[in-house]
Amino acid sequence: KTFMFSTLFYGSLVWQTNANLMQLNRIWYKVAKSAIGAVFNVRQAIAEVVLGVPPLSVMGRIVSVKHYLKALCTSPDDIHRNFLLEEVKSGNSTIISQMKDVRRFIEWKHGSHAGSIPSYDLPLLDDAMSIEELFELSKKTCHYSKRLMIGFTEFLWQENLQHQLQLEGWSQIPKVSLAPLPLP
């Protein structure tokens, strides 16, 4: 698991597209199905819950959030940070889309770990917070830990699973966890 995903997501901000992700999902489904020992076809979303491994799309979003948070934590004169700010100002839709996930992380962090956001950053965290305002946040607000990323991953995954299964008429949605279910 560690080797496969670290290799897969290395540089994914550059090469990962929807077409690539569809092909990788097909391969990942076969791997997941084999890992749980399914003889018949099992829903990929359910196999991932059993294994405790989020979908590739969620993991890709988490990798991009971590990347952008690291860039936001750098000094204001950092070349990478300035490049990202210029791309946001010019309307680069890919970066803006990924930065929306960064905004969601900070909003989630504020809701679930309120003490981790300094009071001077709170006025920036309103509903109308623009993507450009992310570059004004302090290093403490942009800081993340492994525990925070696990929580945010489970949050995005649960949301993704809920949308997917409710569209198919499921009334009860399984609770996700990065810890795999024990198999008998």
N, C-alpha and C. Protein backbone atom coordinates (compact mmCIF):
# COMPACT_ATOMS: atom_id res chain seq x y z
N LYS A 1 0.83 -1.19 0.00
CA LYS A 1 0.00 0.00 0.00
C LYS A 1 0.88 1.26 0.00
N THR A 2 1.84 1.32 0.90
CA THR A 2 2.69 2.50 1.00
C THR A 2 3.52 2.68 -0.27
N PHE A 3 4.12 1.62 -0.74
CA PHE A 3 4.95 1.71 -1.93
C PHE A 3 4.12 2.11 -3.15
N MET A 4 2.97 1.47 -3.31
CA MET A 4 2.15 1.72 -4.49
C MET A 4 1.67 3.18 -4.54
N PHE A 5 1.14 3.67 -3.42
CA PHE A 5 0.57 5.01 -3.44
C PHE A 5 1.62 6.11 -3.45
N SER A 6 2.74 5.89 -2.77
CA SER A 6 3.78 6.93 -2.81
C SER A 6 4.34 7.04 -4.23
N THR A 7 4.47 5.92 -4.91
CA THR A 7 4.94 5.94 -6.30
C THR A 7 3.91 6.57 -7.22
N LEU A 8 2.66 6.21 -7.00
CA LEU A 8 1.57 6.69 -7.85
C LEU A 8 1.40 8.21 -7.76
N PHE A 9 1.48 8.74 -6.55
CA PHE A 9 1.19 10.16 -6.38
C PHE A 9 2.41 11.07 -6.45
N TYR A 10 3.59 10.49 -6.66
CA TYR A 10 4.77 11.33 -6.83
C TYR A 10 4.62 12.15 -8.11
N GLY A 11 4.59 13.44 -7.99
CA GLY A 11 4.43 14.32 -9.15
C GLY A 11 3.02 14.33 -9.72
N SER A 12 2.05 13.85 -8.97
CA SER A 12 0.68 13.74 -9.51
C SER A 12 0.06 15.10 -9.84
N LEU A 13 0.55 16.16 -9.21
CA LEU A 13 0.01 17.48 -9.53
C LEU A 13 0.28 17.84 -10.98
N VAL A 14 1.34 17.28 -11.54
CA VAL A 14 1.73 17.59 -12.90
C VAL A 14 1.03 16.67 -13.90
N TRP A 15 1.04 15.38 -13.67
CA TRP A 15 0.60 14.43 -14.69
C TRP A 15 -0.82 13.93 -14.52
N GLN A 16 -1.41 14.06 -13.34
CA GLN A 16 -2.72 13.45 -13.10
C GLN A 16 -3.84 14.23 -13.80
N THR A 17 -4.58 13.50 -14.64
CA THR A 17 -5.74 14.06 -15.32
C THR A 17 -6.91 13.12 -15.11
N ASN A 18 -8.10 13.56 -15.50
CA ASN A 18 -9.27 12.69 -15.36
C ASN A 18 -9.13 11.41 -16.17
N ALA A 19 -8.55 11.51 -17.36
CA ALA A 19 -8.36 10.33 -18.20
C ALA A 19 -7.39 9.35 -17.54
N ASN A 20 -6.28 9.86 -17.02
CA ASN A 20 -5.33 9.00 -16.31
C ASN A 20 -5.97 8.35 -15.10
N LEU A 21 -6.75 9.13 -14.37
CA LEU A 21 -7.38 8.63 -13.16
C LEU A 21 -8.38 7.52 -13.46
N MET A 22 -9.08 7.61 -14.58
CA MET A 22 -10.02 6.56 -14.95
C MET A 22 -9.27 5.26 -15.22
N GLN A 23 -8.16 5.34 -15.93
CA GLN A 23 -7.37 4.14 -16.20
C GLN A 23 -6.80 3.55 -14.90
N LEU A 24 -6.29 4.42 -14.03
CA LEU A 24 -5.74 3.94 -12.76
C LEU A 24 -6.83 3.34 -11.88
N ASN A 25 -8.03 3.90 -11.93
CA ASN A 25 -9.13 3.36 -11.14
C ASN A 25 -9.47 1.94 -11.57
N ARG A 26 -9.40 1.66 -12.86
CA ARG A 26 -9.67 0.30 -13.33
C ARG A 26 -8.65 -0.69 -12.74
N ILE A 27 -7.40 -0.29 -12.76
CA ILE A 27 -6.35 -1.15 -12.21
C ILE A 27 -6.53 -1.28 -10.70
N TRP A 28 -6.80 -0.14 -10.03
CA TRP A 28 -6.97 -0.13 -8.58
C TRP A 28 -8.14 -1.02 -8.16
N TYR A 29 -9.22 -1.04 -8.93
CA TYR A 29 -10.37 -1.89 -8.62
C TYR A 29 -9.95 -3.36 -8.61
N LYS A 30 -9.16 -3.77 -9.58
CA LYS A 30 -8.71 -5.17 -9.63
C LYS A 30 -7.82 -5.50 -8.44
N VAL A 31 -6.95 -4.57 -8.06
CA VAL A 31 -6.08 -4.78 -6.91
C VAL A 31 -6.92 -4.87 -5.63
N ALA A 32 -7.85 -3.95 -5.45
CA ALA A 32 -8.69 -3.95 -4.25
C ALA A 32 -9.54 -5.20 -4.16
N LYS A 33 -10.11 -5.60 -5.27
CA LYS A 33 -10.95 -6.81 -5.31
C LYS A 33 -10.12 -8.03 -4.93
N SER A 34 -8.91 -8.13 -5.44
CA SER A 34 -8.03 -9.25 -5.09
C SER A 34 -7.62 -9.20 -3.62
N ALA A 35 -7.37 -8.00 -3.12
CA ALA A 35 -6.92 -7.85 -1.73
C ALA A 35 -7.97 -8.30 -0.72
N ILE A 36 -9.24 -8.09 -1.02
CA ILE A 36 -10.26 -8.53 -0.08
C ILE A 36 -10.74 -9.95 -0.37
N GLY A 37 -10.26 -10.53 -1.44
CA GLY A 37 -10.60 -11.91 -1.77
C GLY A 37 -11.98 -12.08 -2.35
N ALA A 38 -12.49 -11.05 -3.00
CA ALA A 38 -13.83 -11.12 -3.57
C ALA A 38 -13.83 -12.02 -4.80
N VAL A 39 -14.79 -12.95 -4.84
CA VAL A 39 -14.96 -13.82 -5.99
C VAL A 39 -15.88 -13.16 -7.00
N PHE A 40 -16.97 -12.59 -6.49
CA PHE A 40 -17.91 -11.88 -7.34
C PHE A 40 -17.57 -10.40 -7.36
N ASN A 41 -18.17 -9.66 -8.27
CA ASN A 41 -17.91 -8.23 -8.34
C ASN A 41 -18.46 -7.54 -7.10
N VAL A 42 -17.65 -6.73 -6.52
CA VAL A 42 -18.03 -5.94 -5.36
C VAL A 42 -17.86 -4.48 -5.75
N ARG A 43 -18.71 -3.63 -5.23
CA ARG A 43 -18.59 -2.20 -5.53
C ARG A 43 -17.22 -1.70 -5.09
N GLN A 44 -16.59 -0.91 -5.92
CA GLN A 44 -15.27 -0.40 -5.60
C GLN A 44 -15.30 0.43 -4.32
N ALA A 45 -16.35 1.22 -4.13
CA ALA A 45 -16.45 2.05 -2.93
C ALA A 45 -16.51 1.19 -1.67
N ILE A 46 -17.20 0.07 -1.74
CA ILE A 46 -17.31 -0.81 -0.57
C ILE A 46 -15.98 -1.53 -0.33
N ALA A 47 -15.31 -1.95 -1.39
CA ALA A 47 -14.00 -2.59 -1.24
C ALA A 47 -13.02 -1.63 -0.58
N GLU A 48 -13.07 -0.36 -0.94
CA GLU A 48 -12.17 0.63 -0.35
C GLU A 48 -12.48 0.83 1.14
N VAL A 49 -13.76 0.80 1.51
CA VAL A 49 -14.13 0.92 2.93
C VAL A 49 -13.58 -0.28 3.70
N VAL A 50 -13.73 -1.47 3.14
CA VAL A 50 -13.24 -2.68 3.80
C VAL A 50 -11.73 -2.62 3.99
N LEU A 51 -11.02 -2.15 2.98
CA LEU A 51 -9.55 -2.07 3.04
C LEU A 51 -9.06 -0.87 3.86
N GLY A 52 -9.93 0.12 4.07
CA GLY A 52 -9.50 1.32 4.77
C GLY A 52 -8.62 2.22 3.92
N VAL A 53 -8.87 2.19 2.61
CA VAL A 53 -8.09 2.98 1.66
C VAL A 53 -9.04 3.88 0.88
N PRO A 54 -8.86 5.19 0.95
CA PRO A 54 -9.76 6.10 0.23
C PRO A 54 -9.61 5.96 -1.29
N PRO A 55 -10.59 6.44 -2.03
CA PRO A 55 -10.49 6.43 -3.50
C PRO A 55 -9.29 7.24 -3.98
N LEU A 56 -8.80 6.89 -5.14
CA LEU A 56 -7.63 7.59 -5.71
C LEU A 56 -7.91 9.08 -5.88
N SER A 57 -9.13 9.43 -6.23
CA SER A 57 -9.46 10.85 -6.43
C SER A 57 -9.32 11.63 -5.12
N VAL A 58 -9.75 11.05 -4.02
CA VAL A 58 -9.64 11.71 -2.71
C VAL A 58 -8.16 11.81 -2.32
N MET A 59 -7.41 10.75 -2.54
CA MET A 59 -5.99 10.78 -2.19
C MET A 59 -5.24 11.81 -3.03
N GLY A 60 -5.61 11.95 -4.29
CA GLY A 60 -4.99 12.97 -5.13
C GLY A 60 -5.29 14.37 -4.62
N ARG A 61 -6.52 14.57 -4.17
CA ARG A 61 -6.89 15.88 -3.61
C ARG A 61 -6.09 16.17 -2.34
N ILE A 62 -5.87 15.17 -1.52
CA ILE A 62 -5.10 15.36 -0.28
C ILE A 62 -3.66 15.71 -0.60
N VAL A 63 -3.08 15.04 -1.59
CA VAL A 63 -1.70 15.35 -2.00
C VAL A 63 -1.60 16.80 -2.45
N SER A 64 -2.57 17.27 -3.23
CA SER A 64 -2.52 18.66 -3.70
C SER A 64 -2.72 19.63 -2.54
N VAL A 65 -3.58 19.33 -1.59
CA VAL A 65 -3.78 20.21 -0.43
C VAL A 65 -2.48 20.33 0.35
N LYS A 66 -1.82 19.22 0.59
CA LYS A 66 -0.54 19.27 1.32
C LYS A 66 0.50 20.08 0.56
N HIS A 67 0.54 19.91 -0.75
CA HIS A 67 1.50 20.66 -1.57
C HIS A 67 1.26 22.17 -1.45
N TYR A 68 0.02 22.58 -1.60
CA TYR A 68 -0.28 24.01 -1.55
C TYR A 68 -0.13 24.58 -0.15
N LEU A 69 -0.44 23.80 0.87
CA LEU A 69 -0.24 24.29 2.24
C LEU A 69 1.25 24.53 2.52
N LYS A 70 2.10 23.65 2.01
CA LYS A 70 3.54 23.86 2.17
C LYS A 70 3.98 25.15 1.48
N ALA A 71 3.42 25.41 0.31
CA ALA A 71 3.76 26.64 -0.41
C ALA A 71 3.25 27.87 0.34
N LEU A 72 2.07 27.76 0.94
CA LEU A 72 1.51 28.90 1.67
C LEU A 72 2.28 29.18 2.96
N CYS A 73 2.95 28.18 3.51
CA CYS A 73 3.71 28.34 4.75
C CYS A 73 5.08 28.99 4.53
N THR A 74 5.46 29.18 3.29
CA THR A 74 6.78 29.76 3.01
C THR A 74 6.72 31.28 3.17
N SER A 75 7.87 31.91 3.07
CA SER A 75 7.94 33.36 3.22
C SER A 75 7.28 34.05 2.03
N PRO A 76 6.80 35.28 2.21
CA PRO A 76 6.09 36.00 1.14
C PRO A 76 6.93 36.24 -0.12
N ASP A 77 8.24 36.15 -0.02
CA ASP A 77 9.06 36.37 -1.21
C ASP A 77 9.50 35.07 -1.87
N ASP A 78 8.92 33.94 -1.46
CA ASP A 78 9.26 32.65 -2.05
C ASP A 78 8.78 32.61 -3.50
N ILE A 79 9.61 32.11 -4.39
CA ILE A 79 9.31 32.11 -5.82
C ILE A 79 8.12 31.21 -6.16
N HIS A 80 8.03 30.07 -5.51
CA HIS A 80 6.91 29.15 -5.77
C HIS A 80 5.59 29.75 -5.30
N ARG A 81 5.61 30.33 -4.13
CA ARG A 81 4.41 30.98 -3.58
C ARG A 81 3.96 32.12 -4.50
N ASN A 82 4.90 32.94 -4.96
CA ASN A 82 4.57 34.05 -5.84
C ASN A 82 4.05 33.57 -7.19
N PHE A 83 4.63 32.46 -7.69
CA PHE A 83 4.13 31.88 -8.94
C PHE A 83 2.67 31.44 -8.78
N LEU A 84 2.37 30.76 -7.67
CA LEU A 84 0.99 30.31 -7.43
C LEU A 84 0.03 31.49 -7.33
N LEU A 85 0.45 32.54 -6.64
CA LEU A 85 -0.40 33.73 -6.51
C LEU A 85 -0.67 34.36 -7.87
N GLU A 86 0.36 34.46 -8.70
CA GLU A 86 0.17 35.02 -10.04
C GLU A 86 -0.76 34.14 -10.88
N GLU A 87 -0.64 32.83 -10.75
CA GLU A 87 -1.52 31.91 -11.50
C GLU A 87 -2.96 32.05 -11.03
N VAL A 88 -3.16 32.23 -9.75
CA VAL A 88 -4.52 32.43 -9.23
C VAL A 88 -5.09 33.75 -9.75
N LYS A 89 -4.28 34.80 -9.71
CA LYS A 89 -4.73 36.11 -10.21
C LYS A 89 -5.03 36.08 -11.71
N SER A 90 -4.29 35.26 -12.46
CA SER A 90 -4.52 35.18 -13.90
C SER A 90 -5.69 34.26 -14.26
N GLY A 91 -6.23 33.55 -13.26
CA GLY A 91 -7.42 32.72 -13.51
C GLY A 91 -7.13 31.29 -13.93
N ASN A 92 -5.97 30.74 -13.57
CA ASN A 92 -5.64 29.35 -13.89
C ASN A 92 -6.65 28.44 -13.19
N SER A 93 -7.53 27.83 -13.97
CA SER A 93 -8.64 27.08 -13.39
C SER A 93 -8.20 25.83 -12.64
N THR A 94 -7.12 25.20 -13.06
CA THR A 94 -6.63 24.00 -12.37
C THR A 94 -6.15 24.35 -10.97
N ILE A 95 -5.33 25.37 -10.87
CA ILE A 95 -4.80 25.77 -9.56
C ILE A 95 -5.92 26.32 -8.68
N ILE A 96 -6.83 27.09 -9.24
CA ILE A 96 -7.95 27.63 -8.46
C ILE A 96 -8.80 26.49 -7.91
N SER A 97 -9.06 25.48 -8.72
CA SER A 97 -9.84 24.33 -8.27
C SER A 97 -9.15 23.61 -7.12
N GLN A 98 -7.85 23.41 -7.25
CA GLN A 98 -7.11 22.74 -6.18
C GLN A 98 -6.99 23.61 -4.94
N MET A 99 -6.90 24.91 -5.11
CA MET A 99 -6.83 25.82 -3.96
C MET A 99 -8.17 25.89 -3.22
N LYS A 100 -9.27 25.59 -3.90
CA LYS A 100 -10.56 25.51 -3.22
C LYS A 100 -10.56 24.39 -2.19
N ASP A 101 -9.84 23.31 -2.50
CA ASP A 101 -9.70 22.23 -1.52
C ASP A 101 -8.87 22.69 -0.32
N VAL A 102 -7.88 23.55 -0.56
CA VAL A 102 -7.09 24.11 0.55
C VAL A 102 -8.01 24.96 1.44
N ARG A 103 -8.86 25.75 0.81
CA ARG A 103 -9.82 26.56 1.58
C ARG A 103 -10.74 25.66 2.39
N ARG A 104 -11.21 24.58 1.78
CA ARG A 104 -12.06 23.62 2.51
C ARG A 104 -11.33 23.01 3.69
N PHE A 105 -10.03 22.70 3.50
CA PHE A 105 -9.25 22.15 4.61
C PHE A 105 -9.19 23.15 5.76
N ILE A 106 -8.91 24.41 5.45
CA ILE A 106 -8.80 25.41 6.51
C ILE A 106 -10.15 25.63 7.19
N GLU A 107 -11.23 25.63 6.42
CA GLU A 107 -12.57 25.75 7.02
C GLU A 107 -12.87 24.53 7.89
N TRP A 108 -12.51 23.33 7.41
CA TRP A 108 -12.72 22.11 8.19
C TRP A 108 -11.89 22.16 9.47
N LYS A 109 -10.64 22.59 9.34
CA LYS A 109 -9.74 22.69 10.48
C LYS A 109 -10.31 23.66 11.52
N HIS A 110 -10.84 24.78 11.06
CA HIS A 110 -11.43 25.76 11.97
C HIS A 110 -12.66 25.17 12.68
N GLY A 111 -13.46 24.39 11.96
CA GLY A 111 -14.65 23.80 12.57
C GLY A 111 -14.35 22.67 13.53
N SER A 112 -13.34 21.86 13.22
CA SER A 112 -13.07 20.70 14.06
C SER A 112 -11.95 20.93 15.09
N HIS A 113 -11.06 21.88 14.84
CA HIS A 113 -9.95 22.19 15.75
C HIS A 113 -9.83 23.70 15.86
N ALA A 114 -10.84 24.31 16.43
CA ALA A 114 -10.94 25.78 16.44
C ALA A 114 -9.72 26.46 17.05
N GLY A 115 -9.11 25.88 18.07
CA GLY A 115 -7.97 26.50 18.73
C GLY A 115 -6.72 26.55 17.87
N SER A 116 -6.72 25.86 16.75
CA SER A 116 -5.51 25.81 15.92
C SER A 116 -5.41 26.99 14.95
N ILE A 117 -6.42 27.84 14.92
CA ILE A 117 -6.40 29.02 14.04
C ILE A 117 -6.25 30.26 14.92
N PRO A 118 -5.21 31.07 14.71
CA PRO A 118 -5.04 32.29 15.52
C PRO A 118 -6.19 33.28 15.30
N SER A 119 -6.48 34.05 16.32
CA SER A 119 -7.61 34.99 16.26
C SER A 119 -7.44 36.03 15.16
N TYR A 120 -6.21 36.42 14.83
CA TYR A 120 -6.00 37.44 13.79
C TYR A 120 -6.31 36.91 12.38
N ASP A 121 -6.41 35.59 12.20
CA ASP A 121 -6.79 35.03 10.91
C ASP A 121 -8.29 34.78 10.79
N LEU A 122 -9.00 34.83 11.90
CA LEU A 122 -10.44 34.51 11.88
C LEU A 122 -11.26 35.43 10.96
N PRO A 123 -10.97 36.74 10.89
CA PRO A 123 -11.75 37.58 9.97
C PRO A 123 -11.63 37.16 8.51
N LEU A 124 -10.53 36.51 8.14
CA LEU A 124 -10.36 36.07 6.75
C LEU A 124 -11.19 34.82 6.45
N LEU A 125 -11.65 34.11 7.49
CA LEU A 125 -12.33 32.84 7.31
C LEU A 125 -13.85 33.01 7.23
N ASP A 126 -14.32 33.91 6.43
CA ASP A 126 -15.76 34.04 6.26
C ASP A 126 -16.18 33.33 4.98
N ASP A 127 -17.47 33.31 4.72
CA ASP A 127 -17.98 32.59 3.55
C ASP A 127 -17.50 33.18 2.23
N ALA A 128 -17.14 34.45 2.25
CA ALA A 128 -16.72 35.11 1.02
C ALA A 128 -15.20 35.12 0.85
N MET A 129 -14.50 34.28 1.62
CA MET A 129 -13.03 34.25 1.52
C MET A 129 -12.62 33.87 0.10
N SER A 130 -11.83 34.72 -0.51
CA SER A 130 -11.37 34.44 -1.87
C SER A 130 -10.13 33.56 -1.83
N ILE A 131 -9.81 32.99 -2.96
CA ILE A 131 -8.61 32.16 -3.06
C ILE A 131 -7.36 33.01 -2.81
N GLU A 132 -7.37 34.24 -3.26
CA GLU A 132 -6.22 35.12 -3.05
C GLU A 132 -5.98 35.40 -1.58
N GLU A 133 -7.03 35.40 -0.78
CA GLU A 133 -6.88 35.66 0.66
C GLU A 133 -6.17 34.51 1.38
N LEU A 134 -6.12 33.35 0.77
CA LEU A 134 -5.37 32.24 1.37
C LEU A 134 -3.90 32.60 1.52
N PHE A 135 -3.40 33.44 0.63
CA PHE A 135 -1.99 33.83 0.68
C PHE A 135 -1.70 34.81 1.80
N GLU A 136 -2.74 35.32 2.46
CA GLU A 136 -2.57 36.25 3.57
C GLU A 136 -2.62 35.55 4.92
N LEU A 137 -2.96 34.26 4.94
CA LEU A 137 -3.08 33.52 6.19
C LEU A 137 -1.71 33.28 6.81
N SER A 138 -1.69 33.14 8.12
CA SER A 138 -0.42 32.93 8.84
C SER A 138 0.07 31.49 8.67
N LYS A 139 1.33 31.29 9.03
CA LYS A 139 1.92 29.95 8.94
C LYS A 139 1.21 28.99 9.88
N LYS A 140 0.77 29.48 11.02
CA LYS A 140 0.09 28.61 11.99
C LYS A 140 -1.23 28.10 11.41
N THR A 141 -1.94 28.94 10.70
CA THR A 141 -3.21 28.54 10.10
C THR A 141 -2.98 27.52 8.99
N CYS A 142 -1.91 27.69 8.24
CA CYS A 142 -1.60 26.79 7.12
C CYS A 142 -0.91 25.51 7.57
N HIS A 143 -0.52 25.44 8.81
CA HIS A 143 0.18 24.26 9.31
C HIS A 143 -0.77 23.06 9.36
N TYR A 144 -0.22 21.88 9.08
CA TYR A 144 -1.00 20.65 9.19
C TYR A 144 -0.14 19.57 9.82
N SER A 145 -0.80 18.58 10.36
CA SER A 145 -0.11 17.43 10.94
C SER A 145 -0.68 16.17 10.33
N LYS A 146 -0.06 15.05 10.62
CA LYS A 146 -0.55 13.77 10.12
C LYS A 146 -1.97 13.51 10.64
N ARG A 147 -2.21 13.82 11.90
CA ARG A 147 -3.53 13.62 12.49
C ARG A 147 -4.60 14.47 11.80
N LEU A 148 -4.25 15.72 11.50
CA LEU A 148 -5.20 16.60 10.79
C LEU A 148 -5.49 16.07 9.39
N MET A 149 -4.45 15.61 8.70
CA MET A 149 -4.66 15.11 7.34
C MET A 149 -5.47 13.82 7.33
N ILE A 150 -5.29 12.98 8.33
CA ILE A 150 -6.12 11.77 8.42
C ILE A 150 -7.57 12.16 8.62
N GLY A 151 -7.83 13.11 9.50
CA GLY A 151 -9.19 13.58 9.73
C GLY A 151 -9.81 14.19 8.49
N PHE A 152 -9.05 15.02 7.78
CA PHE A 152 -9.58 15.66 6.58
C PHE A 152 -9.78 14.64 5.46
N THR A 153 -8.89 13.67 5.36
CA THR A 153 -9.05 12.61 4.37
C THR A 153 -10.35 11.85 4.62
N GLU A 154 -10.59 11.48 5.86
CA GLU A 154 -11.83 10.76 6.20
C GLU A 154 -13.06 11.63 5.95
N PHE A 155 -12.93 12.93 6.19
CA PHE A 155 -14.04 13.86 5.93
C PHE A 155 -14.38 13.89 4.44
N LEU A 156 -13.36 14.09 3.58
CA LEU A 156 -13.59 14.12 2.13
C LEU A 156 -14.10 12.78 1.61
N TRP A 157 -13.54 11.70 2.14
CA TRP A 157 -13.92 10.36 1.71
C TRP A 157 -15.37 10.07 2.08
N GLN A 158 -15.76 10.42 3.32
CA GLN A 158 -17.13 10.19 3.76
C GLN A 158 -18.11 10.98 2.89
N GLU A 159 -17.76 12.21 2.59
CA GLU A 159 -18.59 13.05 1.75
C GLU A 159 -18.71 12.44 0.34
N ASN A 160 -17.59 11.99 -0.21
CA ASN A 160 -17.57 11.37 -1.53
C ASN A 160 -18.42 10.11 -1.55
N LEU A 161 -18.26 9.25 -0.55
CA LEU A 161 -19.01 8.00 -0.46
C LEU A 161 -20.51 8.27 -0.29
N GLN A 162 -20.83 9.24 0.53
CA GLN A 162 -22.24 9.58 0.76
C GLN A 162 -22.92 10.03 -0.53
N HIS A 163 -22.28 10.90 -1.27
CA HIS A 163 -22.84 11.37 -2.54
C HIS A 163 -23.02 10.21 -3.51
N GLN A 164 -22.00 9.38 -3.61
CA GLN A 164 -22.02 8.26 -4.55
C GLN A 164 -23.13 7.27 -4.22
N LEU A 165 -23.24 6.88 -2.97
CA LEU A 165 -24.21 5.85 -2.60
C LEU A 165 -25.63 6.39 -2.50
N GLN A 166 -25.81 7.65 -2.11
CA GLN A 166 -27.15 8.22 -2.06
C GLN A 166 -27.74 8.35 -3.46
N LEU A 167 -26.89 8.61 -4.45
CA LEU A 167 -27.38 8.67 -5.83
C LEU A 167 -27.94 7.32 -6.28
N GLU A 168 -27.44 6.26 -5.68
CA GLU A 168 -27.90 4.92 -6.02
C GLU A 168 -29.00 4.43 -5.11
N GLY A 169 -29.46 5.27 -4.18
CA GLY A 169 -30.59 4.92 -3.34
C GLY A 169 -30.27 4.30 -2.00
N TRP A 170 -29.02 4.29 -1.61
CA TRP A 170 -28.67 3.74 -0.30
C TRP A 170 -29.18 4.67 0.79
N SER A 171 -29.79 4.11 1.81
CA SER A 171 -30.28 4.93 2.92
C SER A 171 -29.28 4.97 4.07
N GLN A 172 -28.47 3.94 4.20
CA GLN A 172 -27.45 3.92 5.25
C GLN A 172 -26.08 3.84 4.58
N ILE A 173 -25.24 4.79 4.95
CA ILE A 173 -23.91 4.89 4.36
C ILE A 173 -22.89 4.37 5.37
N PRO A 174 -22.00 3.46 4.95
CA PRO A 174 -20.97 2.98 5.89
C PRO A 174 -20.06 4.11 6.34
N LYS A 175 -19.60 4.02 7.57
CA LYS A 175 -18.65 5.00 8.12
C LYS A 175 -17.25 4.63 7.65
N VAL A 176 -16.54 5.59 7.11
CA VAL A 176 -15.20 5.33 6.60
C VAL A 176 -14.16 5.51 7.69
N SER A 177 -13.06 4.82 7.53
CA SER A 177 -11.93 4.93 8.44
C SER A 177 -10.68 4.50 7.67
N LEU A 178 -9.58 5.15 7.96
CA LEU A 178 -8.32 4.76 7.31
C LEU A 178 -7.77 3.46 7.89
N ALA A 179 -8.38 2.98 8.96
CA ALA A 179 -7.99 1.68 9.52
C ALA A 179 -8.82 0.60 8.81
N PRO A 180 -8.18 -0.43 8.29
CA PRO A 180 -8.94 -1.45 7.57
C PRO A 180 -9.83 -2.25 8.51
N LEU A 181 -10.95 -2.75 7.97
CA LEU A 181 -11.82 -3.61 8.74
C LEU A 181 -11.13 -4.96 8.94
N PRO A 182 -11.27 -5.54 10.12
CA PRO A 182 -10.65 -6.86 10.30
C PRO A 182 -11.38 -7.92 9.49
N LEU A 183 -10.64 -8.68 8.71
CA LEU A 183 -11.23 -9.74 7.92
C LEU A 183 -11.12 -11.06 8.67
N PRO A 184 -12.18 -11.86 8.66
CA PRO A 184 -12.14 -13.12 9.41
C PRO A 184 -11.19 -14.12 8.77
